[in-house]
Amino acid sequence: MASVEVKSFDHPDESNSNFNNAQIDTVKVGDQRVMRLKLQPGWKWSKDIKPTVGTDSCKAKHIGVIVSGAVCAKHDDGTEVTYKAGDAYSIDPGHDGWVVGDEPVEVYEFHGKWGE
């Protein structure tokens, strides 16, 4: 028998607002974790997440879709890319990231760890 599982971000399985300028909601569907991240202007990984995880750069791979706003990711090798609403993205480990401009950012991620 086929299975369908639906969960709403209105009632996430996990919710974390312990990070400065970020709200992270998680639902688990099937065997996959899906995250909704709401990042405020001024959010920057190296400022807001790095003190918690203690690495020089983000060591997680991220795959997602950005719904609103814009984010810049800068890799340890200096490669820098800005992605914006409507873009799907894959970011390899070894990067910093920050909100670009004064618009809040909303993204949905299907792979990656935030603050773990």
PDB file of N, CA and C in Angstrom:
ATOM      1  N   MET A   1       0.848  -1.189   0.000  1.00  0.00           N
ATOM      2  CA  MET A   1       0.000   0.000   0.000  1.00  0.00           C
ATOM      3  C   MET A   1       0.890   1.247   0.000  1.00  0.00           C
ATOM      4  N   ALA A   2       0.576   2.197  -0.831  1.00  0.00           N
ATOM      5  CA  ALA A   2       1.330   3.441  -0.920  1.00  0.00           C
ATOM      6  C   ALA A   2       1.115   4.277   0.339  1.00  0.00           C
ATOM      7  N   SER A   3       2.095   5.079   0.655  1.00  0.00           N
ATOM      8  CA  SER A   3       2.026   5.917   1.853  1.00  0.00           C
ATOM      9  C   SER A   3       2.230   7.371   1.478  1.00  0.00           C
ATOM     10  N   VAL A   4       1.466   8.235   2.122  1.00  0.00           N
ATOM     11  CA  VAL A   4       1.633   9.675   1.972  1.00  0.00           C
ATOM     12  C   VAL A   4       1.705  10.254   3.377  1.00  0.00           C
ATOM     13  N   GLU A   5       2.719  11.060   3.596  1.00  0.00           N
ATOM     14  CA  GLU A   5       2.868  11.717   4.895  1.00  0.00           C
ATOM     15  C   GLU A   5       2.956  13.214   4.657  1.00  0.00           C
ATOM     16  N   VAL A   6       2.144  13.972   5.357  1.00  0.00           N
ATOM     17  CA  VAL A   6       2.112  15.426   5.205  1.00  0.00           C
ATOM     18  C   VAL A   6       2.286  16.050   6.580  1.00  0.00           C
ATOM     19  N   LYS A   7       3.183  17.020   6.655  1.00  0.00           N
ATOM     20  CA  LYS A   7       3.363  17.779   7.894  1.00  0.00           C
ATOM     21  C   LYS A   7       3.403  19.255   7.549  1.00  0.00           C
ATOM     22  N   SER A   8       2.993  20.062   8.493  1.00  0.00           N
ATOM     23  CA  SER A   8       2.935  21.506   8.284  1.00  0.00           C
ATOM     24  C   SER A   8       4.008  22.209   9.111  1.00  0.00           C
ATOM     25  N   PHE A   9       4.607  23.213   8.516  1.00  0.00           N
ATOM     26  CA  PHE A   9       5.544  24.043   9.271  1.00  0.00           C
ATOM     27  C   PHE A   9       4.813  24.927  10.281  1.00  0.00           C
ATOM     28  N   ASP A  10       3.488  24.962  10.214  1.00  0.00           N
ATOM     29  CA  ASP A  10       2.706  25.665  11.240  1.00  0.00           C
ATOM     30  C   ASP A  10       2.819  24.943  12.585  1.00  0.00           C
ATOM     31  N   HIS A  11       3.132  23.646  12.530  1.00  0.00           N
ATOM     32  CA  HIS A  11       3.300  22.814  13.731  1.00  0.00           C
ATOM     33  C   HIS A  11       4.544  21.953  13.543  1.00  0.00           C
ATOM     34  N   PRO A  12       5.738  22.552  13.567  1.00  0.00           N
ATOM     35  CA  PRO A  12       6.964  21.789  13.292  1.00  0.00           C
ATOM     36  C   PRO A  12       7.252  20.754  14.371  1.00  0.00           C
ATOM     37  N   ASP A  13       8.013  19.728  13.981  1.00  0.00           N
ATOM     38  CA  ASP A  13       8.478  18.725  14.943  1.00  0.00           C
ATOM     39  C   ASP A  13       9.490  19.333  15.903  1.00  0.00           C
ATOM     40  N   GLU A  14      10.297  20.245  15.381  1.00  0.00           N
ATOM     41  CA  GLU A  14      11.290  20.953  16.197  1.00  0.00           C
ATOM     42  C   GLU A  14      11.293  22.416  15.789  1.00  0.00           C
ATOM     43  N   SER A  15      11.547  23.278  16.754  1.00  0.00           N
ATOM     44  CA  SER A  15      11.646  24.705  16.482  1.00  0.00           C
ATOM     45  C   SER A  15      12.804  25.250  17.314  1.00  0.00           C
ATOM     46  N   ASN A  16      13.659  26.038  16.676  1.00  0.00           N
ATOM     47  CA  ASN A  16      14.835  26.551  17.373  1.00  0.00           C
ATOM     48  C   ASN A  16      15.021  28.028  17.039  1.00  0.00           C
ATOM     49  N   SER A  17      14.928  28.855  18.051  1.00  0.00           N
ATOM     50  CA  SER A  17      15.193  30.282  17.865  1.00  0.00           C
ATOM     51  C   SER A  17      16.346  30.713  18.775  1.00  0.00           C
ATOM     52  N   ASN A  18      17.206  29.752  19.135  1.00  0.00           N
ATOM     53  CA  ASN A  18      18.329  30.042  20.025  1.00  0.00           C
ATOM     54  C   ASN A  18      19.481  30.751  19.327  1.00  0.00           C
ATOM     55  N   PHE A  19      19.433  30.849  18.018  1.00  0.00           N
ATOM     56  CA  PHE A  19      20.498  31.509  17.273  1.00  0.00           C
ATOM     57  C   PHE A  19      20.097  32.948  16.984  1.00  0.00           C
ATOM     58  N   ASN A  20      21.043  33.854  17.118  1.00  0.00           N
ATOM     59  CA  ASN A  20      20.782  35.256  16.849  1.00  0.00           C
ATOM     60  C   ASN A  20      20.318  35.444  15.406  1.00  0.00           C
ATOM     61  N   ASN A  21      19.238  36.166  15.213  1.00  0.00           N
ATOM     62  CA  ASN A  21      18.726  36.533  13.891  1.00  0.00           C
ATOM     63  C   ASN A  21      18.225  35.358  13.056  1.00  0.00           C
ATOM     64  N   ALA A  22      17.937  34.191  13.676  1.00  0.00           N
ATOM     65  CA  ALA A  22      17.491  33.039  12.901  1.00  0.00           C
ATOM     66  C   ALA A  22      16.415  32.254  13.643  1.00  0.00           C
ATOM     67  N   GLN A  23      15.443  31.786  12.885  1.00  0.00           N
ATOM     68  CA  GLN A  23      14.411  30.862  13.376  1.00  0.00           C
ATOM     69  C   GLN A  23      14.489  29.630  12.485  1.00  0.00           C
ATOM     70  N   ILE A  24      14.638  28.447  13.096  1.00  0.00           N
ATOM     71  CA  ILE A  24      14.769  27.209  12.344  1.00  0.00           C
ATOM     72  C   ILE A  24      13.651  26.267  12.779  1.00  0.00           C
ATOM     73  N   ASP A  25      12.797  25.896  11.825  1.00  0.00           N
ATOM     74  CA  ASP A  25      11.720  24.943  12.083  1.00  0.00           C
ATOM     75  C   ASP A  25      11.987  23.698  11.253  1.00  0.00           C
ATOM     76  N   THR A  26      11.750  22.534  11.852  1.00  0.00           N
ATOM     77  CA  THR A  26      12.041  21.271  11.201  1.00  0.00           C
ATOM     78  C   THR A  26      10.830  20.356  11.243  1.00  0.00           C
ATOM     79  N   VAL A  27      10.560  19.712  10.104  1.00  0.00           N
ATOM     80  CA  VAL A  27       9.597  18.628  10.056  1.00  0.00           C
ATOM     81  C   VAL A  27      10.316  17.404   9.503  1.00  0.00           C
ATOM     82  N   LYS A  28       9.863  16.246   9.948  1.00  0.00           N
ATOM     83  CA  LYS A  28      10.415  14.988   9.438  1.00  0.00           C
ATOM     84  C   LYS A  28       9.310  14.295   8.659  1.00  0.00           C
ATOM     85  N   VAL A  29       9.575  14.062   7.386  1.00  0.00           N
ATOM     86  CA  VAL A  29       8.630  13.363   6.522  1.00  0.00           C
ATOM     87  C   VAL A  29       9.364  12.190   5.874  1.00  0.00           C
ATOM     88  N   GLY A  30       8.738  11.014   5.958  1.00  0.00           N
ATOM     89  CA  GLY A  30       9.434   9.825   5.502  1.00  0.00           C
ATOM     90  C   GLY A  30      10.690   9.672   6.340  1.00  0.00           C
ATOM     91  N   ASP A  31      11.795   9.517   5.700  1.00  0.00           N
ATOM     92  CA  ASP A  31      13.068   9.435   6.435  1.00  0.00           C
ATOM     93  C   ASP A  31      13.916  10.687   6.205  1.00  0.00           C
ATOM     94  N   GLN A  32      13.260  11.767   5.841  1.00  0.00           N
ATOM     95  CA  GLN A  32      13.977  13.004   5.489  1.00  0.00           C
ATOM     96  C   GLN A  32      13.614  14.134   6.436  1.00  0.00           C
ATOM     97  N   ARG A  33      14.614  14.938   6.762  1.00  0.00           N
ATOM     98  CA  ARG A  33      14.390  16.142   7.554  1.00  0.00           C
ATOM     99  C   ARG A  33      14.331  17.327   6.592  1.00  0.00           C
ATOM    100  N   VAL A  34      13.294  18.146   6.739  1.00  0.00           N
ATOM    101  CA  VAL A  34      13.147  19.352   5.928  1.00  0.00           C
ATOM    102  C   VAL A  34      13.103  20.533   6.898  1.00  0.00           C
ATOM    103  N   MET A  35      13.890  21.557   6.593  1.00  0.00           N
ATOM    104  CA  MET A  35      13.979  22.714   7.485  1.00  0.00           C
ATOM    105  C   MET A  35      13.489  23.972   6.786  1.00  0.00           C
ATOM    106  N   ARG A  36      12.806  24.803   7.552  1.00  0.00           N
ATOM    107  CA  ARG A  36      12.472  26.158   7.105  1.00  0.00           C
ATOM    108  C   ARG A  36      13.305  27.092   7.959  1.00  0.00           C
ATOM    109  N   LEU A  37      14.079  27.932   7.305  1.00  0.00           N
ATOM    110  CA  LEU A  37      14.918  28.899   8.011  1.00  0.00           C
ATOM    111  C   LEU A  37      14.438  30.295   7.680  1.00  0.00           C
ATOM    112  N   LYS A  38      14.249  31.082   8.724  1.00  0.00           N
ATOM    113  CA  LYS A  38      13.922  32.497   8.566  1.00  0.00           C
ATOM    114  C   LYS A  38      15.095  33.276   9.144  1.00  0.00           C
ATOM    115  N   LEU A  39      15.791  33.979   8.271  1.00  0.00           N
ATOM    116  CA  LEU A  39      16.998  34.719   8.647  1.00  0.00           C
ATOM    117  C   LEU A  39      16.725  36.209   8.528  1.00  0.00           C
ATOM    118  N   GLN A  40      17.114  36.942   9.541  1.00  0.00           N
ATOM    119  CA  GLN A  40      16.869  38.381   9.566  1.00  0.00           C
ATOM    120  C   GLN A  40      18.059  39.144   8.968  1.00  0.00           C
ATOM    121  N   PRO A  41      17.799  40.352   8.454  1.00  0.00           N
ATOM    122  CA  PRO A  41      18.910  41.187   7.989  1.00  0.00           C
ATOM    123  C   PRO A  41      19.957  41.299   9.101  1.00  0.00           C
ATOM    124  N   GLY A  42      21.208  41.195   8.717  1.00  0.00           N
ATOM    125  CA  GLY A  42      22.296  41.223   9.688  1.00  0.00           C
ATOM    126  C   GLY A  42      22.781  39.843  10.085  1.00  0.00           C
ATOM    127  N   TRP A  43      22.001  38.773   9.749  1.00  0.00           N
ATOM    128  CA  TRP A  43      22.441  37.418  10.081  1.00  0.00           C
ATOM    129  C   TRP A  43      23.697  37.076   9.289  1.00  0.00           C
ATOM    130  N   LYS A  44      24.659  36.479   9.975  1.00  0.00           N
ATOM    131  CA  LYS A  44      25.884  36.007   9.328  1.00  0.00           C
ATOM    132  C   LYS A  44      26.354  34.760  10.072  1.00  0.00           C
ATOM    133  N   TRP A  45      26.662  33.703   9.324  1.00  0.00           N
ATOM    134  CA  TRP A  45      27.070  32.443   9.943  1.00  0.00           C
ATOM    135  C   TRP A  45      28.233  32.652  10.900  1.00  0.00           C
ATOM    136  N   SER A  46      29.274  33.345  10.456  1.00  0.00           N
ATOM    137  CA  SER A  46      30.487  33.499  11.275  1.00  0.00           C
ATOM    138  C   SER A  46      30.244  34.308  12.541  1.00  0.00           C
ATOM    139  N   LYS A  47      29.185  35.087  12.565  1.00  0.00           N
ATOM    140  CA  LYS A  47      28.859  35.889  13.746  1.00  0.00           C
ATOM    141  C   LYS A  47      27.825  35.186  14.630  1.00  0.00           C
ATOM    142  N   ASP A  48      26.831  34.566  14.001  1.00  0.00           N
ATOM    143  CA  ASP A  48      25.687  34.052  14.749  1.00  0.00           C
ATOM    144  C   ASP A  48      25.706  32.552  15.023  1.00  0.00           C
ATOM    145  N   ILE A  49      26.408  31.770  14.228  1.00  0.00           N
ATOM    146  CA  ILE A  49      26.425  30.313  14.394  1.00  0.00           C
ATOM    147  C   ILE A  49      27.806  29.807  14.819  1.00  0.00           C
ATOM    148  N   LYS A  50      28.856  30.372  14.261  1.00  0.00           N
ATOM    149  CA  LYS A  50      30.220  29.930  14.545  1.00  0.00           C
ATOM    150  C   LYS A  50      30.526  29.810  16.041  1.00  0.00           C
ATOM    151  N   PRO A  51      30.125  30.769  16.879  1.00  0.00           N
ATOM    152  CA  PRO A  51      30.434  30.636  18.308  1.00  0.00           C
ATOM    153  C   PRO A  51      29.827  29.382  18.946  1.00  0.00           C
ATOM    154  N   THR A  52      28.709  28.911  18.395  1.00  0.00           N
ATOM    155  CA  THR A  52      28.060  27.714  18.936  1.00  0.00           C
ATOM    156  C   THR A  52      28.742  26.441  18.464  1.00  0.00           C
ATOM    157  N   VAL A  53      29.095  26.369  17.167  1.00  0.00           N
ATOM    158  CA  VAL A  53      29.662  25.125  16.622  1.00  0.00           C
ATOM    159  C   VAL A  53      31.177  25.056  16.754  1.00  0.00           C
ATOM    160  N   GLY A  54      31.843  26.199  16.821  1.00  0.00           N
ATOM    161  CA  GLY A  54      33.277  26.233  17.085  1.00  0.00           C
ATOM    162  C   GLY A  54      34.184  25.845  15.933  1.00  0.00           C
ATOM    163  N   THR A  55      33.687  25.841  14.697  1.00  0.00           N
ATOM    164  CA  THR A  55      34.544  25.576  13.541  1.00  0.00           C
ATOM    165  C   THR A  55      34.846  26.896  12.835  1.00  0.00           C
ATOM    166  N   ASP A  56      35.912  26.913  12.042  1.00  0.00           N
ATOM    167  CA  ASP A  56      36.288  28.147  11.341  1.00  0.00           C
ATOM    168  C   ASP A  56      35.272  28.543  10.271  1.00  0.00           C
ATOM    169  N   SER A  57      34.638  27.540   9.652  1.00  0.00           N
ATOM    170  CA  SER A  57      33.616  27.791   8.643  1.00  0.00           C
ATOM    171  C   SER A  57      32.552  26.705   8.782  1.00  0.00           C
ATOM    172  N   CYS A  58      31.443  26.867   8.077  1.00  0.00           N
ATOM    173  CA  CYS A  58      30.372  25.880   8.137  1.00  0.00           C
ATOM    174  C   CYS A  58      30.836  24.605   7.451  1.00  0.00           C
ATOM    175  N   LYS A  59      30.735  23.485   8.127  1.00  0.00           N
ATOM    176  CA  LYS A  59      31.221  22.200   7.613  1.00  0.00           C
ATOM    177  C   LYS A  59      30.096  21.328   7.074  1.00  0.00           C
ATOM    178  N   ALA A  60      28.912  21.902   6.877  1.00  0.00           N
ATOM    179  CA  ALA A  60      27.768  21.145   6.358  1.00  0.00           C
ATOM    180  C   ALA A  60      27.531  21.472   4.884  1.00  0.00           C
ATOM    181  N   LYS A  61      27.022  20.486   4.162  1.00  0.00           N
ATOM    182  CA  LYS A  61      26.536  20.711   2.799  1.00  0.00           C
ATOM    183  C   LYS A  61      25.075  21.120   2.923  1.00  0.00           C
ATOM    184  N   HIS A  62      24.654  22.069   2.111  1.00  0.00           N
ATOM    185  CA  HIS A  62      23.273  22.537   2.130  1.00  0.00           C
ATOM    186  C   HIS A  62      22.666  22.400   0.737  1.00  0.00           C
ATOM    187  N   ILE A  63      21.430  21.889   0.692  1.00  0.00           N
ATOM    188  CA  ILE A  63      20.656  21.829  -0.542  1.00  0.00           C
ATOM    189  C   ILE A  63      19.290  22.401  -0.218  1.00  0.00           C
ATOM    190  N   GLY A  64      18.866  23.385  -0.988  1.00  0.00           N
ATOM    191  CA  GLY A  64      17.592  24.004  -0.666  1.00  0.00           C
ATOM    192  C   GLY A  64      17.067  24.908  -1.753  1.00  0.00           C
ATOM    193  N   VAL A  65      16.026  25.628  -1.371  1.00  0.00           N
ATOM    194  CA  VAL A  65      15.356  26.596  -2.239  1.00  0.00           C
ATOM    195  C   VAL A  65      15.141  27.857  -1.427  1.00  0.00           C
ATOM    196  N   ILE A  66      15.482  29.001  -2.012  1.00  0.00           N
ATOM    197  CA  ILE A  66      15.281  30.272  -1.323  1.00  0.00           C
ATOM    198  C   ILE A  66      13.963  30.881  -1.817  1.00  0.00           C
ATOM    199  N   VAL A  67      13.095  31.219  -0.866  1.00  0.00           N
ATOM    200  CA  VAL A  67      11.758  31.710  -1.173  1.00  0.00           C
ATOM    201  C   VAL A  67      11.716  33.229  -1.197  1.00  0.00           C
ATOM    202  N   SER A  68      12.452  33.863  -0.283  1.00  0.00           N
ATOM    203  CA  SER A  68      12.464  35.331  -0.260  1.00  0.00           C
ATOM    204  C   SER A  68      13.826  35.813   0.208  1.00  0.00           C
ATOM    205  N   GLY A  69      14.177  37.010  -0.250  1.00  0.00           N
ATOM    206  CA  GLY A  69      15.439  37.614   0.146  1.00  0.00           C
ATOM    207  C   GLY A  69      16.620  37.094  -0.654  1.00  0.00           C
ATOM    208  N   ALA A  70      17.829  37.354  -0.138  1.00  0.00           N
ATOM    209  CA  ALA A  70      19.061  36.945  -0.811  1.00  0.00           C
ATOM    210  C   ALA A  70      20.122  36.623   0.236  1.00  0.00           C
ATOM    211  N   VAL A  71      20.965  35.648  -0.096  1.00  0.00           N
ATOM    212  CA  VAL A  71      22.058  35.202   0.768  1.00  0.00           C
ATOM    213  C   VAL A  71      23.323  35.115  -0.072  1.00  0.00           C
ATOM    214  N   CYS A  72      24.446  35.466   0.516  1.00  0.00           N
ATOM    215  CA  CYS A  72      25.742  35.290  -0.128  1.00  0.00           C
ATOM    216  C   CYS A  72      26.477  34.187   0.621  1.00  0.00           C
ATOM    217  N   ALA A  73      27.060  33.263  -0.124  1.00  0.00           N
ATOM    218  CA  ALA A  73      27.909  32.220   0.452  1.00  0.00           C
ATOM    219  C   ALA A  73      29.320  32.431  -0.078  1.00  0.00           C
ATOM    220  N   LYS A  74      30.292  32.422   0.838  1.00  0.00           N
ATOM    221  CA  LYS A  74      31.691  32.578   0.450  1.00  0.00           C
ATOM    222  C   LYS A  74      32.465  31.375   0.967  1.00  0.00           C
ATOM    223  N   HIS A  75      33.048  30.627   0.028  1.00  0.00           N
ATOM    224  CA  HIS A  75      33.811  29.429   0.382  1.00  0.00           C
ATOM    225  C   HIS A  75      35.201  29.793   0.888  1.00  0.00           C
ATOM    226  N   ASP A  76      35.777  28.853   1.604  1.00  0.00           N
ATOM    227  CA  ASP A  76      37.117  29.051   2.162  1.00  0.00           C
ATOM    228  C   ASP A  76      38.147  29.394   1.084  1.00  0.00           C
ATOM    229  N   ASP A  77      37.915  28.948  -0.166  1.00  0.00           N
ATOM    230  CA  ASP A  77      38.857  29.242  -1.254  1.00  0.00           C
ATOM    231  C   ASP A  77      38.626  30.611  -1.880  1.00  0.00           C
ATOM    232  N   GLY A  78      37.628  31.368  -1.357  1.00  0.00           N
ATOM    233  CA  GLY A  78      37.349  32.710  -1.861  1.00  0.00           C
ATOM    234  C   GLY A  78      36.197  32.782  -2.850  1.00  0.00           C
ATOM    235  N   THR A  79      35.728  31.643  -3.356  1.00  0.00           N
ATOM    236  CA  THR A  79      34.587  31.627  -4.267  1.00  0.00           C
ATOM    237  C   THR A  79      33.365  32.197  -3.548  1.00  0.00           C
ATOM    238  N   GLU A  80      32.688  33.121  -4.201  1.00  0.00           N
ATOM    239  CA  GLU A  80      31.556  33.811  -3.582  1.00  0.00           C
ATOM    240  C   GLU A  80      30.377  33.822  -4.546  1.00  0.00           C
ATOM    241  N   VAL A  81      29.201  33.411  -4.058  1.00  0.00           N
ATOM    242  CA  VAL A  81      27.998  33.368  -4.882  1.00  0.00           C
ATOM    243  C   VAL A  81      26.824  33.919  -4.080  1.00  0.00           C
ATOM    244  N   THR A  82      26.019  34.771  -4.711  1.00  0.00           N
ATOM    245  CA  THR A  82      24.790  35.263  -4.099  1.00  0.00           C
ATOM    246  C   THR A  82      23.625  34.545  -4.757  1.00  0.00           C
ATOM    247  N   TYR A  83      22.719  34.033  -3.932  1.00  0.00           N
ATOM    248  CA  TYR A  83      21.521  33.394  -4.453  1.00  0.00           C
ATOM    249  C   TYR A  83      20.309  34.104  -3.860  1.00  0.00           C
ATOM    250  N   LYS A  84      19.212  34.095  -4.627  1.00  0.00           N
ATOM    251  CA  LYS A  84      18.060  34.931  -4.278  1.00  0.00           C
ATOM    252  C   LYS A  84      16.762  34.161  -4.471  1.00  0.00           C
ATOM    253  N   ALA A  85      15.659  34.800  -4.092  1.00  0.00           N
ATOM    254  CA  ALA A  85      14.340  34.183  -4.204  1.00  0.00           C
ATOM    255  C   ALA A  85      14.156  33.535  -5.570  1.00  0.00           C
ATOM    256  N   GLY A  86      13.676  32.286  -5.545  1.00  0.00           N
ATOM    257  CA  GLY A  86      13.447  31.532  -6.773  1.00  0.00           C
ATOM    258  C   GLY A  86      14.594  30.619  -7.144  1.00  0.00           C
ATOM    259  N   ASP A  87      15.739  30.742  -6.462  1.00  0.00           N
ATOM    260  CA  ASP A  87      16.905  29.915  -6.778  1.00  0.00           C
ATOM    261  C   ASP A  87      16.919  28.640  -5.932  1.00  0.00           C
ATOM    262  N   ALA A  88      17.278  27.530  -6.571  1.00  0.00           N
ATOM    263  CA  ALA A  88      17.618  26.299  -5.866  1.00  0.00           C
ATOM    264  C   ALA A  88      19.137  26.306  -5.732  1.00  0.00           C
ATOM    265  N   TYR A  89      19.657  25.747  -4.639  1.00  0.00           N
ATOM    266  CA  TYR A  89      21.092  25.839  -4.413  1.00  0.00           C
ATOM    267  C   TYR A  89      21.647  24.570  -3.773  1.00  0.00           C
ATOM    268  N   SER A  90      22.941  24.390  -3.993  1.00  0.00           N
ATOM    269  CA  SER A  90      23.737  23.366  -3.323  1.00  0.00           C
ATOM    270  C   SER A  90      25.038  24.042  -2.919  1.00  0.00           C
ATOM    271  N   ILE A  91      25.341  23.996  -1.641  1.00  0.00           N
ATOM    272  CA  ILE A  91      26.540  24.654  -1.118  1.00  0.00           C
ATOM    273  C   ILE A  91      27.391  23.599  -0.432  1.00  0.00           C
ATOM    274  N   ASP A  92      28.623  23.452  -0.881  1.00  0.00           N
ATOM    275  CA  ASP A  92      29.537  22.477  -0.284  1.00  0.00           C
ATOM    276  C   ASP A  92      30.037  22.956   1.072  1.00  0.00           C
ATOM    277  N   PRO A  93      30.517  22.036   1.903  1.00  0.00           N
ATOM    278  CA  PRO A  93      31.105  22.414   3.197  1.00  0.00           C
ATOM    279  C   PRO A  93      32.292  23.360   3.010  1.00  0.00           C
ATOM    280  N   GLY A  94      32.550  24.151   4.060  1.00  0.00           N
ATOM    281  CA  GLY A  94      33.681  25.076   4.044  1.00  0.00           C
ATOM    282  C   GLY A  94      33.286  26.448   3.541  1.00  0.00           C
ATOM    283  N   HIS A  95      32.338  27.082   4.216  1.00  0.00           N
ATOM    284  CA  HIS A  95      31.848  28.377   3.744  1.00  0.00           C
ATOM    285  C   HIS A  95      31.355  29.224   4.909  1.00  0.00           C
ATOM    286  N   ASP A  96      31.201  30.491   4.638  1.00  0.00           N
ATOM    287  CA  ASP A  96      30.497  31.438   5.491  1.00  0.00           C
ATOM    288  C   ASP A  96      29.273  31.859   4.684  1.00  0.00           C
ATOM    289  N   GLY A  97      28.296  32.448   5.316  1.00  0.00           N
ATOM    290  CA  GLY A  97      27.118  32.918   4.606  1.00  0.00           C
ATOM    291  C   GLY A  97      26.480  34.051   5.371  1.00  0.00           C
ATOM    292  N   TRP A  98      25.782  34.932   4.650  1.00  0.00           N
ATOM    293  CA  TRP A  98      25.136  36.062   5.296  1.00  0.00           C
ATOM    294  C   TRP A  98      23.964  36.557   4.453  1.00  0.00           C
ATOM    295  N   VAL A  99      23.019  37.208   5.137  1.00  0.00           N
ATOM    296  CA  VAL A  99      21.880  37.831   4.472  1.00  0.00           C
ATOM    297  C   VAL A  99      22.381  39.068   3.735  1.00  0.00           C
ATOM    298  N   VAL A 100      21.949  39.207   2.496  1.00  0.00           N
ATOM    299  CA  VAL A 100      22.296  40.360   1.676  1.00  0.00           C
ATOM    300  C   VAL A 100      21.122  41.335   1.707  1.00  0.00           C
ATOM    301  N   GLY A 101      21.404  42.579   2.035  1.00  0.00           N
ATOM    302  CA  GLY A 101      20.368  43.607   2.017  1.00  0.00           C
ATOM    303  C   GLY A 101      19.550  43.646   3.293  1.00  0.00           C
ATOM    304  N   ASP A 102      18.410  44.331   3.207  1.00  0.00           N
ATOM    305  CA  ASP A 102      17.598  44.552   4.399  1.00  0.00           C
ATOM    306  C   ASP A 102      16.276  43.793   4.376  1.00  0.00           C
ATOM    307  N   GLU A 103      16.144  42.804   3.493  1.00  0.00           N
ATOM    308  CA  GLU A 103      14.941  41.984   3.432  1.00  0.00           C
ATOM    309  C   GLU A 103      15.178  40.665   4.168  1.00  0.00           C
ATOM    310  N   PRO A 104      14.239  40.238   5.013  1.00  0.00           N
ATOM    311  CA  PRO A 104      14.377  38.924   5.652  1.00  0.00           C
ATOM    312  C   PRO A 104      14.442  37.819   4.598  1.00  0.00           C
ATOM    313  N   VAL A 105      15.083  36.728   4.964  1.00  0.00           N
ATOM    314  CA  VAL A 105      15.267  35.590   4.065  1.00  0.00           C
ATOM    315  C   VAL A 105      14.464  34.403   4.594  1.00  0.00           C
ATOM    316  N   GLU A 106      13.830  33.690   3.668  1.00  0.00           N
ATOM    317  CA  GLU A 106      13.183  32.425   4.011  1.00  0.00           C
ATOM    318  C   GLU A 106      13.682  31.375   3.031  1.00  0.00           C
ATOM    319  N   VAL A 107      14.195  30.272   3.579  1.00  0.00           N
ATOM    320  CA  VAL A 107      14.667  29.172   2.753  1.00  0.00           C
ATOM    321  C   VAL A 107      14.100  27.859   3.290  1.00  0.00           C
ATOM    322  N   TYR A 108      14.020  26.883   2.397  1.00  0.00           N
ATOM    323  CA  TYR A 108      13.682  25.512   2.771  1.00  0.00           C
ATOM    324  C   TYR A 108      14.864  24.656   2.374  1.00  0.00           C
ATOM    325  N   GLU A 109      15.367  23.875   3.322  1.00  0.00           N
ATOM    326  CA  GLU A 109      16.534  23.031   3.061  1.00  0.00           C
ATOM    327  C   GLU A 109      16.185  21.565   3.253  1.00  0.00           C
ATOM    328  N   PHE A 110      16.765  20.759   2.370  1.00  0.00           N
ATOM    329  CA  PHE A 110      16.516  19.328   2.373  1.00  0.00           C
ATOM    330  C   PHE A 110      17.756  18.537   2.779  1.00  0.00           C
ATOM    331  N   HIS A 111      18.840  19.230   2.958  1.00  0.00           N
ATOM    332  CA  HIS A 111      20.090  18.607   3.374  1.00  0.00           C
ATOM    333  C   HIS A 111      20.919  19.671   4.063  1.00  0.00           C
ATOM    334  N   GLY A 112      21.554  19.327   5.144  1.00  0.00           N
ATOM    335  CA  GLY A 112      22.401  20.288   5.833  1.00  0.00           C
ATOM    336  C   GLY A 112      22.073  20.309   7.299  1.00  0.00           C
ATOM    337  N   LYS A 113      22.973  20.897   8.054  1.00  0.00           N
ATOM    338  CA  LYS A 113      22.785  21.016   9.497  1.00  0.00           C
ATOM    339  C   LYS A 113      23.035  22.453   9.875  1.00  0.00           C
ATOM    340  N   TRP A 114      22.188  22.968  10.703  1.00  0.00           N
ATOM    341  CA  TRP A 114      22.341  24.341  11.188  1.00  0.00           C
ATOM    342  C   TRP A 114      22.542  24.298  12.667  1.00  0.00           C
ATOM    343  N   GLY A 115      23.720  24.684  13.090  1.00  0.00           N
ATOM    344  CA  GLY A 115      23.997  24.777  14.514  1.00  0.00           C
ATOM    345  C   GLY A 115      24.182  23.444  15.206  1.00  0.00           C
ATOM    346  N   GLU A 116      24.486  22.408  14.442  1.00  0.00           N
ATOM    347  CA  GLU A 116      24.730  21.091  15.041  1.00  0.00           C
ATOM    348  C   GLU A 116      26.167  20.706  14.883  1.00  0.00           C
TER     349      GLU A 116
END
